[in-house]
Amino acid sequence: MKQPGAKATYAAPAIERAFEIIEALTLYPEGALVSEVAASLGRTVGELFRFFVVMERLGYIRKSAVTDRYTVTYKFLEVAYRATPAQDIVRAAMPEMQSLAQHAGQSCHLVVVNAGSGLVIACEQQPGIRGFSLRVGARIDIINSCSGQVLLAFSGPQRADQIIADAEQERASPVDRTWLEERLAVIRERGYDSRQSPITHGVTDISYPVFGFDGQVVAALTIPFLELIDGSQKVHLDAARELLSQTVARISDALGHQPERVAP
């Protein structure tokens, strides 16, 4: 007989197993094989295989066509974004993005890698009556966009190769890797990217990398700088770029990043 005041205990083994897999995958930044996850959980491949198949079909994990390794996707963020505003990167970025939009008089947006695309996870509108911005949830061309190339330029070689392979699979066409590496080398050299928007007249995209505590690039913060015909924008391009540089440094610092110091 149940004791008075005792709490009922419910078991949902399938749900528990699925979340065990998700949590295990977070320990493998470059992705993991089913056999590796099974070993880490003390289970057999046969016990876990169908969970991987179902979660991949639902879009919560993805399998690399190159390495067969599984990684967690940003679908969790897409689904739960509005209910989980405390995500570390968004929480650290939003106050700074609001300040940037106010002082620069320009909109800005935060982009992360989502398989072979970029994904806008935060956006701050400029305070004036004229402006240009992207919406949260918008997908970005990771190969050709300013934000995408910044993310690729500051990713490690293995991760960058994986992102490019994913993009090729999504586009169903090969990427000119020689051209792309030349572009990425230029971006790495100067620490950011800035160029005319390939889509919108009168807009110059400026993008800087945001780094996490482990030194890995976690996002790109971008201003689609709108230059008005009458020159009435609040600041000019160079000043907006400097404000953006200072903003990403503060966001990275809030995430625990410690830049390497050059020895005297």
C-alpha atoms as a PDB file:
ATOM      1  CA  MET A   1       0.000   0.000   0.000  1.00  0.00           C
ATOM      2  CA  LYS A   2       1.214   3.483  -0.840  1.00  0.00           C
ATOM      3  CA  GLN A   3       2.315   5.434   2.211  1.00  0.00           C
ATOM      4  CA  PRO A   4       0.495   8.729   2.896  1.00  0.00           C
ATOM      5  CA  GLY A   5       2.353  11.691   1.450  1.00  0.00           C
ATOM      6  CA  ALA A   6       4.639   9.556  -0.697  1.00  0.00           C
ATOM      7  CA  LYS A   7       5.284  10.830  -4.191  1.00  0.00           C
ATOM      8  CA  ALA A   8       4.407   8.629  -7.136  1.00  0.00           C
ATOM      9  CA  THR A   9       7.362   7.473  -9.209  1.00  0.00           C
ATOM     10  CA  TYR A  10       6.816   7.116 -12.924  1.00  0.00           C
ATOM     11  CA  ALA A  11       9.126   5.492 -15.431  1.00  0.00           C
ATOM     12  CA  ALA A  12       9.408   6.329 -19.134  1.00  0.00           C
ATOM     13  CA  PRO A  13      12.440   4.335 -20.247  1.00  0.00           C
ATOM     14  CA  ALA A  14      12.288   5.395 -23.905  1.00  0.00           C
ATOM     15  CA  ILE A  15      12.221   9.098 -23.039  1.00  0.00           C
ATOM     16  CA  GLU A  16      15.004   8.646 -20.499  1.00  0.00           C
ATOM     17  CA  ARG A  17      17.103   6.784 -23.061  1.00  0.00           C
ATOM     18  CA  ALA A  18      16.629   9.535 -25.645  1.00  0.00           C
ATOM     19  CA  PHE A  19      17.798  12.232 -23.250  1.00  0.00           C
ATOM     20  CA  GLU A  20      20.730  10.075 -22.164  1.00  0.00           C
ATOM     21  CA  ILE A  21      21.819  10.000 -25.801  1.00  0.00           C
ATOM     22  CA  ILE A  22      21.431  13.767 -26.189  1.00  0.00           C
ATOM     23  CA  GLU A  23      23.454  14.408 -23.049  1.00  0.00           C
ATOM     24  CA  ALA A  24      26.124  11.952 -24.163  1.00  0.00           C
ATOM     25  CA  LEU A  25      26.436  13.666 -27.550  1.00  0.00           C
ATOM     26  CA  THR A  26      27.147  16.996 -25.872  1.00  0.00           C
ATOM     27  CA  LEU A  27      30.447  15.489 -24.699  1.00  0.00           C
ATOM     28  CA  TYR A  28      31.578  15.054 -28.315  1.00  0.00           C
ATOM     29  CA  PRO A  29      31.975  18.488 -29.982  1.00  0.00           C
ATOM     30  CA  GLU A  30      32.999  16.869 -33.271  1.00  0.00           C
ATOM     31  CA  GLY A  31      30.187  14.304 -33.109  1.00  0.00           C
ATOM     32  CA  ALA A  32      30.101  10.652 -32.028  1.00  0.00           C
ATOM     33  CA  LEU A  33      29.474   7.252 -33.558  1.00  0.00           C
ATOM     34  CA  VAL A  34      26.590   5.175 -32.245  1.00  0.00           C
ATOM     35  CA  SER A  35      29.153   2.700 -30.905  1.00  0.00           C
ATOM     36  CA  GLU A  36      30.920   5.457 -28.950  1.00  0.00           C
ATOM     37  CA  VAL A  37      27.714   6.653 -27.334  1.00  0.00           C
ATOM     38  CA  ALA A  38      26.708   3.081 -26.551  1.00  0.00           C
ATOM     39  CA  ALA A  39      30.052   2.428 -24.857  1.00  0.00           C
ATOM     40  CA  SER A  40      29.830   5.646 -22.825  1.00  0.00           C
ATOM     41  CA  LEU A  41      26.359   4.673 -21.593  1.00  0.00           C
ATOM     42  CA  GLY A  42      27.215   1.024 -20.966  1.00  0.00           C
ATOM     43  CA  ARG A  43      24.711  -0.181 -23.548  1.00  0.00           C
ATOM     44  CA  THR A  44      24.828  -2.073 -26.839  1.00  0.00           C
ATOM     45  CA  VAL A  45      24.534  -0.543 -30.290  1.00  0.00           C
ATOM     46  CA  GLY A  46      21.370  -2.597 -30.805  1.00  0.00           C
ATOM     47  CA  GLU A  47      19.725  -1.013 -27.771  1.00  0.00           C
ATOM     48  CA  LEU A  48      20.345   2.529 -29.034  1.00  0.00           C
ATOM     49  CA  PHE A  49      20.252   2.325 -32.816  1.00  0.00           C
ATOM     50  CA  ARG A  50      16.506   2.892 -33.262  1.00  0.00           C
ATOM     51  CA  PHE A  51      16.661   5.925 -30.975  1.00  0.00           C
ATOM     52  CA  PHE A  52      19.249   7.503 -33.259  1.00  0.00           C
ATOM     53  CA  VAL A  53      17.134   6.757 -36.322  1.00  0.00           C
ATOM     54  CA  VAL A  54      13.989   8.311 -34.838  1.00  0.00           C
ATOM     55  CA  MET A  55      15.716  11.391 -33.393  1.00  0.00           C
ATOM     56  CA  GLU A  56      17.492  11.993 -36.701  1.00  0.00           C
ATOM     57  CA  ARG A  57      14.201  11.696 -38.585  1.00  0.00           C
ATOM     58  CA  LEU A  58      12.662  14.235 -36.216  1.00  0.00           C
ATOM     59  CA  GLY A  59      15.585  16.597 -36.739  1.00  0.00           C
ATOM     60  CA  TYR A  60      16.980  16.692 -33.204  1.00  0.00           C
ATOM     61  CA  ILE A  61      20.260  15.059 -34.166  1.00  0.00           C
ATOM     62  CA  ARG A  62      22.017  14.749 -37.497  1.00  0.00           C
ATOM     63  CA  LYS A  63      24.402  12.231 -39.018  1.00  0.00           C
ATOM     64  CA  SER A  64      27.411  13.420 -40.983  1.00  0.00           C
ATOM     65  CA  ALA A  65      27.457  12.060 -44.508  1.00  0.00           C
ATOM     66  CA  VAL A  66      31.250  12.147 -44.324  1.00  0.00           C
ATOM     67  CA  THR A  67      32.115  10.679 -40.907  1.00  0.00           C
ATOM     68  CA  ASP A  68      28.871   8.938 -39.848  1.00  0.00           C
ATOM     69  CA  ARG A  69      29.138  10.863 -36.571  1.00  0.00           C
ATOM     70  CA  TYR A  70      26.038  12.253 -34.908  1.00  0.00           C
ATOM     71  CA  THR A  71      25.694  15.734 -33.444  1.00  0.00           C
ATOM     72  CA  VAL A  72      22.854  17.559 -31.709  1.00  0.00           C
ATOM     73  CA  THR A  73      21.129  20.111 -33.963  1.00  0.00           C
ATOM     74  CA  TYR A  74      19.824  23.575 -33.207  1.00  0.00           C
ATOM     75  CA  LYS A  75      16.251  22.313 -33.512  1.00  0.00           C
ATOM     76  CA  PHE A  76      16.144  22.346 -29.721  1.00  0.00           C
ATOM     77  CA  LEU A  77      16.891  26.053 -29.878  1.00  0.00           C
ATOM     78  CA  GLU A  78      14.415  26.668 -32.693  1.00  0.00           C
ATOM     79  CA  VAL A  79      11.618  24.910 -30.810  1.00  0.00           C
ATOM     80  CA  ALA A  80      12.354  26.218 -27.331  1.00  0.00           C
ATOM     81  CA  TYR A  81      13.932  29.603 -28.078  1.00  0.00           C
ATOM     82  CA  ARG A  82      11.152  31.794 -26.742  1.00  0.00           C
ATOM     83  CA  ALA A  83      10.670  29.589 -23.670  1.00  0.00           C
ATOM     84  CA  THR A  84      14.375  29.522 -22.845  1.00  0.00           C
ATOM     85  CA  PRO A  85      15.681  33.109 -23.034  1.00  0.00           C
ATOM     86  CA  ALA A  86      18.388  32.224 -20.522  1.00  0.00           C
ATOM     87  CA  GLN A  87      20.559  30.525 -23.127  1.00  0.00           C
ATOM     88  CA  ASP A  88      24.039  31.673 -22.183  1.00  0.00           C
ATOM     89  CA  ILE A  89      24.955  33.242 -25.478  1.00  0.00           C
ATOM     90  CA  VAL A  90      21.672  35.094 -25.965  1.00  0.00           C
ATOM     91  CA  ARG A  91      21.608  36.241 -22.362  1.00  0.00           C
ATOM     92  CA  ALA A  92      25.149  37.578 -22.687  1.00  0.00           C
ATOM     93  CA  ALA A  93      24.566  39.130 -26.086  1.00  0.00           C
ATOM     94  CA  MET A  94      21.195  40.851 -25.877  1.00  0.00           C
ATOM     95  CA  PRO A  95      22.072  43.756 -23.532  1.00  0.00           C
ATOM     96  CA  GLU A  96      25.169  44.453 -25.609  1.00  0.00           C
ATOM     97  CA  MET A  97      23.235  44.199 -28.861  1.00  0.00           C
ATOM     98  CA  GLN A  98      20.663  46.675 -27.545  1.00  0.00           C
ATOM     99  CA  SER A  99      23.423  49.103 -26.626  1.00  0.00           C
ATOM    100  CA  LEU A 100      25.077  48.629 -30.021  1.00  0.00           C
ATOM    101  CA  ALA A 101      21.854  49.321 -31.902  1.00  0.00           C
ATOM    102  CA  GLN A 102      21.272  52.443 -29.826  1.00  0.00           C
ATOM    103  CA  HIS A 103      24.752  53.904 -30.255  1.00  0.00           C
ATOM    104  CA  ALA A 104      25.293  52.892 -33.872  1.00  0.00           C
ATOM    105  CA  GLY A 105      21.748  53.576 -35.017  1.00  0.00           C
ATOM    106  CA  GLN A 106      21.889  50.263 -36.885  1.00  0.00           C
ATOM    107  CA  SER A 107      20.257  46.862 -36.453  1.00  0.00           C
ATOM    108  CA  CYS A 108      22.347  43.805 -35.596  1.00  0.00           C
ATOM    109  CA  HIS A 109      21.838  40.053 -35.501  1.00  0.00           C
ATOM    110  CA  LEU A 110      23.561  37.032 -33.966  1.00  0.00           C
ATOM    111  CA  VAL A 111      24.222  33.964 -36.125  1.00  0.00           C
ATOM    112  CA  VAL A 112      25.267  30.420 -35.193  1.00  0.00           C
ATOM    113  CA  VAL A 113      26.069  27.364 -37.287  1.00  0.00           C
ATOM    114  CA  ASN A 114      23.165  25.004 -37.886  1.00  0.00           C
ATOM    115  CA  ALA A 115      24.480  22.023 -39.895  1.00  0.00           C
ATOM    116  CA  GLY A 116      25.257  23.503 -43.344  1.00  0.00           C
ATOM    117  CA  SER A 117      23.547  26.845 -42.754  1.00  0.00           C
ATOM    118  CA  GLY A 118      23.659  29.801 -40.434  1.00  0.00           C
ATOM    119  CA  LEU A 119      20.758  30.489 -38.075  1.00  0.00           C
ATOM    120  CA  VAL A 120      19.799  33.882 -36.640  1.00  0.00           C
ATOM    121  CA  ILE A 121      19.164  33.330 -32.917  1.00  0.00           C
ATOM    122  CA  ALA A 122      18.882  36.968 -31.805  1.00  0.00           C
ATOM    123  CA  CYS A 123      18.190  40.306 -33.456  1.00  0.00           C
ATOM    124  CA  GLU A 124      18.040  43.893 -32.226  1.00  0.00           C
ATOM    125  CA  GLN A 125      16.310  46.549 -34.306  1.00  0.00           C
ATOM    126  CA  GLN A 126      17.837  49.990 -34.641  1.00  0.00           C
ATOM    127  CA  PRO A 127      15.768  52.618 -32.805  1.00  0.00           C
ATOM    128  CA  GLY A 128      15.037  54.961 -35.725  1.00  0.00           C
ATOM    129  CA  ILE A 129      12.310  54.922 -38.337  1.00  0.00           C
ATOM    130  CA  ARG A 130      14.579  53.567 -41.090  1.00  0.00           C
ATOM    131  CA  GLY A 131      16.511  50.361 -40.877  1.00  0.00           C
ATOM    132  CA  PHE A 132      17.257  46.914 -42.226  1.00  0.00           C
ATOM    133  CA  SER A 133      17.306  43.695 -40.212  1.00  0.00           C
ATOM    134  CA  LEU A 134      16.870  39.938 -40.296  1.00  0.00           C
ATOM    135  CA  ARG A 135      14.302  38.058 -38.248  1.00  0.00           C
ATOM    136  CA  VAL A 136      15.065  35.497 -35.579  1.00  0.00           C
ATOM    137  CA  GLY A 137      14.981  32.027 -37.124  1.00  0.00           C
ATOM    138  CA  ALA A 138      16.169  33.202 -40.536  1.00  0.00           C
ATOM    139  CA  ARG A 139      18.564  30.835 -42.276  1.00  0.00           C
ATOM    140  CA  ILE A 140      21.815  32.201 -43.680  1.00  0.00           C
ATOM    141  CA  ASP A 141      23.979  30.976 -46.568  1.00  0.00           C
ATOM    142  CA  ILE A 142      27.015  29.771 -44.615  1.00  0.00           C
ATOM    143  CA  ILE A 143      29.282  29.737 -47.672  1.00  0.00           C
ATOM    144  CA  ASN A 144      28.615  33.133 -49.245  1.00  0.00           C
ATOM    145  CA  SER A 145      27.323  35.345 -46.442  1.00  0.00           C
ATOM    146  CA  CYS A 146      29.463  37.668 -44.348  1.00  0.00           C
ATOM    147  CA  SER A 147      28.310  35.990 -41.110  1.00  0.00           C
ATOM    148  CA  GLY A 148      28.831  32.505 -42.508  1.00  0.00           C
ATOM    149  CA  GLN A 149      32.353  33.146 -43.698  1.00  0.00           C
ATOM    150  CA  VAL A 150      33.300  34.658 -40.335  1.00  0.00           C
ATOM    151  CA  LEU A 151      32.021  31.508 -38.607  1.00  0.00           C
ATOM    152  CA  LEU A 152      33.989  29.323 -41.012  1.00  0.00           C
ATOM    153  CA  ALA A 153      37.152  31.434 -40.789  1.00  0.00           C
ATOM    154  CA  PHE A 154      37.415  31.092 -37.025  1.00  0.00           C
ATOM    155  CA  SER A 155      36.265  27.476 -36.722  1.00  0.00           C
ATOM    156  CA  GLY A 156      38.878  24.757 -36.352  1.00  0.00           C
ATOM    157  CA  PRO A 157      39.858  22.977 -39.593  1.00  0.00           C
ATOM    158  CA  GLN A 158      37.911  19.798 -38.821  1.00  0.00           C
ATOM    159  CA  ARG A 159      34.761  21.666 -37.846  1.00  0.00           C
ATOM    160  CA  ALA A 160      35.008  23.984 -40.865  1.00  0.00           C
ATOM    161  CA  ASP A 161      35.382  20.983 -43.195  1.00  0.00           C
ATOM    162  CA  GLN A 162      32.305  19.400 -41.652  1.00  0.00           C
ATOM    163  CA  ILE A 163      30.247  22.589 -42.044  1.00  0.00           C
ATOM    164  CA  ILE A 164      31.303  22.929 -45.683  1.00  0.00           C
ATOM    165  CA  ALA A 165      30.469  19.273 -46.351  1.00  0.00           C
ATOM    166  CA  ASP A 166      27.048  19.800 -44.784  1.00  0.00           C
ATOM    167  CA  ALA A 167      26.515  22.893 -46.935  1.00  0.00           C
ATOM    168  CA  GLU A 168      27.451  20.977 -50.064  1.00  0.00           C
ATOM    169  CA  GLN A 169      24.924  18.310 -49.153  1.00  0.00           C
ATOM    170  CA  GLU A 170      22.191  20.893 -48.566  1.00  0.00           C
ATOM    171  CA  ARG A 171      23.022  22.763 -51.784  1.00  0.00           C
ATOM    172  CA  ALA A 172      23.515  19.543 -53.762  1.00  0.00           C
ATOM    173  CA  SER A 173      26.542  21.176 -55.389  1.00  0.00           C
ATOM    174  CA  PRO A 174      30.265  21.371 -54.630  1.00  0.00           C
ATOM    175  CA  VAL A 175      31.897  24.407 -53.041  1.00  0.00           C
ATOM    176  CA  ASP A 176      34.918  26.058 -54.667  1.00  0.00           C
ATOM    177  CA  ARG A 177      37.206  25.387 -51.724  1.00  0.00           C
ATOM    178  CA  THR A 178      40.209  27.176 -53.192  1.00  0.00           C
ATOM    179  CA  TRP A 179      38.226  30.397 -53.544  1.00  0.00           C
ATOM    180  CA  LEU A 180      36.644  29.944 -50.136  1.00  0.00           C
ATOM    181  CA  GLU A 181      39.942  29.322 -48.322  1.00  0.00           C
ATOM    182  CA  GLU A 182      41.393  32.475 -49.876  1.00  0.00           C
ATOM    183  CA  ARG A 183      38.428  34.440 -48.528  1.00  0.00           C
ATOM    184  CA  LEU A 184      38.691  32.845 -45.086  1.00  0.00           C
ATOM    185  CA  ALA A 185      42.427  33.556 -44.897  1.00  0.00           C
ATOM    186  CA  VAL A 186      41.766  37.266 -45.475  1.00  0.00           C
ATOM    187  CA  ILE A 187      39.091  37.293 -42.768  1.00  0.00           C
ATOM    188  CA  ARG A 188      41.330  35.522 -40.271  1.00  0.00           C
ATOM    189  CA  GLU A 189      44.128  37.971 -40.984  1.00  0.00           C
ATOM    190  CA  ARG A 190      42.092  41.084 -40.205  1.00  0.00           C
ATOM    191  CA  GLY A 191      39.835  39.503 -37.573  1.00  0.00           C
ATOM    192  CA  TYR A 192      36.475  40.346 -39.142  1.00  0.00           C
ATOM    193  CA  ASP A 193      34.692  40.709 -42.477  1.00  0.00           C
ATOM    194  CA  SER A 194      33.118  43.717 -44.153  1.00  0.00           C
ATOM    195  CA  ARG A 195      31.673  43.966 -47.644  1.00  0.00           C
ATOM    196  CA  GLN A 196      28.754  45.090 -49.707  1.00  0.00           C
ATOM    197  CA  SER A 197      25.698  42.934 -49.208  1.00  0.00           C
ATOM    198  CA  PRO A 198      25.303  40.493 -52.124  1.00  0.00           C
ATOM    199  CA  ILE A 199      21.524  40.797 -51.761  1.00  0.00           C
ATOM    200  CA  THR A 200      20.519  44.332 -50.688  1.00  0.00           C
ATOM    201  CA  HIS A 201      21.601  47.616 -52.319  1.00  0.00           C
ATOM    202  CA  GLY A 202      22.928  50.248 -49.935  1.00  0.00           C
ATOM    203  CA  VAL A 203      23.815  47.720 -47.216  1.00  0.00           C
ATOM    204  CA  THR A 204      27.353  46.878 -46.098  1.00  0.00           C
ATOM    205  CA  ASP A 205      27.602  43.798 -43.911  1.00  0.00           C
ATOM    206  CA  ILE A 206      30.100  43.938 -41.034  1.00  0.00           C
ATOM    207  CA  SER A 207      30.635  40.783 -38.986  1.00  0.00           C
ATOM    208  CA  TYR A 208      32.873  39.809 -36.068  1.00  0.00           C
ATOM    209  CA  PRO A 209      33.323  36.421 -34.320  1.00  0.00           C
ATOM    210  CA  VAL A 210      32.096  35.820 -30.761  1.00  0.00           C
ATOM    211  CA  PHE A 211      34.181  33.361 -28.743  1.00  0.00           C
ATOM    212  CA  GLY A 212      33.269  31.122 -25.801  1.00  0.00           C
ATOM    213  CA  PHE A 213      35.225  30.241 -22.694  1.00  0.00           C
ATOM    214  CA  ASP A 214      37.026  27.423 -24.514  1.00  0.00           C
ATOM    215  CA  GLY A 215      38.341  29.731 -27.228  1.00  0.00           C
ATOM    216  CA  GLN A 216      35.993  28.301 -29.869  1.00  0.00           C
ATOM    217  CA  VAL A 217      33.911  30.577 -32.060  1.00  0.00           C
ATOM    218  CA  VAL A 218      30.284  30.315 -30.948  1.00  0.00           C
ATOM    219  CA  ALA A 219      28.555  32.937 -33.087  1.00  0.00           C
ATOM    220  CA  ALA A 220      28.990  35.843 -35.448  1.00  0.00           C
ATOM    221  CA  LEU A 221      27.550  39.262 -34.613  1.00  0.00           C
ATOM    222  CA  THR A 222      26.677  41.232 -37.717  1.00  0.00           C
ATOM    223  CA  ILE A 223      25.565  44.746 -38.556  1.00  0.00           C
ATOM    224  CA  PRO A 224      23.849  45.104 -41.942  1.00  0.00           C
ATOM    225  CA  PHE A 225      24.964  48.752 -42.159  1.00  0.00           C
ATOM    226  CA  LEU A 226      22.370  50.825 -43.996  1.00  0.00           C
ATOM    227  CA  GLU A 227      23.839  53.951 -45.555  1.00  0.00           C
ATOM    228  CA  LEU A 228      21.201  56.605 -46.188  1.00  0.00           C
ATOM    229  CA  ILE A 229      21.276  58.721 -49.336  1.00  0.00           C
ATOM    230  CA  ASP A 230      21.229  61.979 -47.362  1.00  0.00           C
ATOM    231  CA  GLY A 231      24.008  60.766 -45.043  1.00  0.00           C
ATOM    232  CA  SER A 232      21.808  61.137 -41.972  1.00  0.00           C
ATOM    233  CA  GLN A 233      22.811  57.812 -40.393  1.00  0.00           C
ATOM    234  CA  LYS A 234      23.855  58.202 -36.761  1.00  0.00           C
ATOM    235  CA  VAL A 235      27.472  57.081 -37.286  1.00  0.00           C
ATOM    236  CA  HIS A 236      29.550  56.293 -40.328  1.00  0.00           C
ATOM    237  CA  LEU A 237      30.759  52.850 -41.364  1.00  0.00           C
ATOM    238  CA  ASP A 238      34.162  52.926 -39.657  1.00  0.00           C
ATOM    239  CA  ALA A 239      32.646  54.085 -36.364  1.00  0.00           C
ATOM    240  CA  ALA A 240      29.985  51.345 -36.552  1.00  0.00           C
ATOM    241  CA  ARG A 241      32.701  48.766 -37.159  1.00  0.00           C
ATOM    242  CA  GLU A 242      34.611  49.939 -34.089  1.00  0.00           C
ATOM    243  CA  LEU A 243      31.463  49.806 -31.956  1.00  0.00           C
ATOM    244  CA  LEU A 244      30.807  46.270 -33.211  1.00  0.00           C
ATOM    245  CA  SER A 245      34.375  45.216 -32.382  1.00  0.00           C
ATOM    246  CA  GLN A 246      34.018  46.502 -28.828  1.00  0.00           C
ATOM    247  CA  THR A 247      30.622  44.826 -28.468  1.00  0.00           C
ATOM    248  CA  VAL A 248      31.808  41.328 -29.442  1.00  0.00           C
ATOM    249  CA  ALA A 249      34.782  41.698 -27.095  1.00  0.00           C
ATOM    250  CA  ARG A 250      32.402  42.344 -24.189  1.00  0.00           C
ATOM    251  CA  ILE A 251      30.091  39.488 -25.170  1.00  0.00           C
ATOM    252  CA  SER A 252      33.023  37.088 -25.473  1.00  0.00           C
ATOM    253  CA  ASP A 253      34.290  38.256 -22.081  1.00  0.00           C
ATOM    254  CA  ALA A 254      30.861  37.610 -20.549  1.00  0.00           C
ATOM    255  CA  LEU A 255      31.031  34.075 -21.949  1.00  0.00           C
ATOM    256  CA  GLY A 256      34.367  33.541 -20.213  1.00  0.00           C
ATOM    257  CA  HIS A 257      36.685  33.976 -23.194  1.00  0.00           C
ATOM    258  CA  GLN A 258      40.257  35.004 -22.400  1.00  0.00           C
ATOM    259  CA  PRO A 259      42.110  36.248 -25.487  1.00  0.00           C
ATOM    260  CA  GLU A 260      45.650  35.040 -25.961  1.00  0.00           C
ATOM    261  CA  ARG A 261      48.096  37.686 -24.874  1.00  0.00           C
ATOM    262  CA  VAL A 262      51.015  38.515 -27.087  1.00  0.00           C
ATOM    263  CA  ALA A 263      54.291  38.199 -25.204  1.00  0.00           C
ATOM    264  CA  PRO A 264      56.302  41.437 -25.067  1.00  0.00           C
END
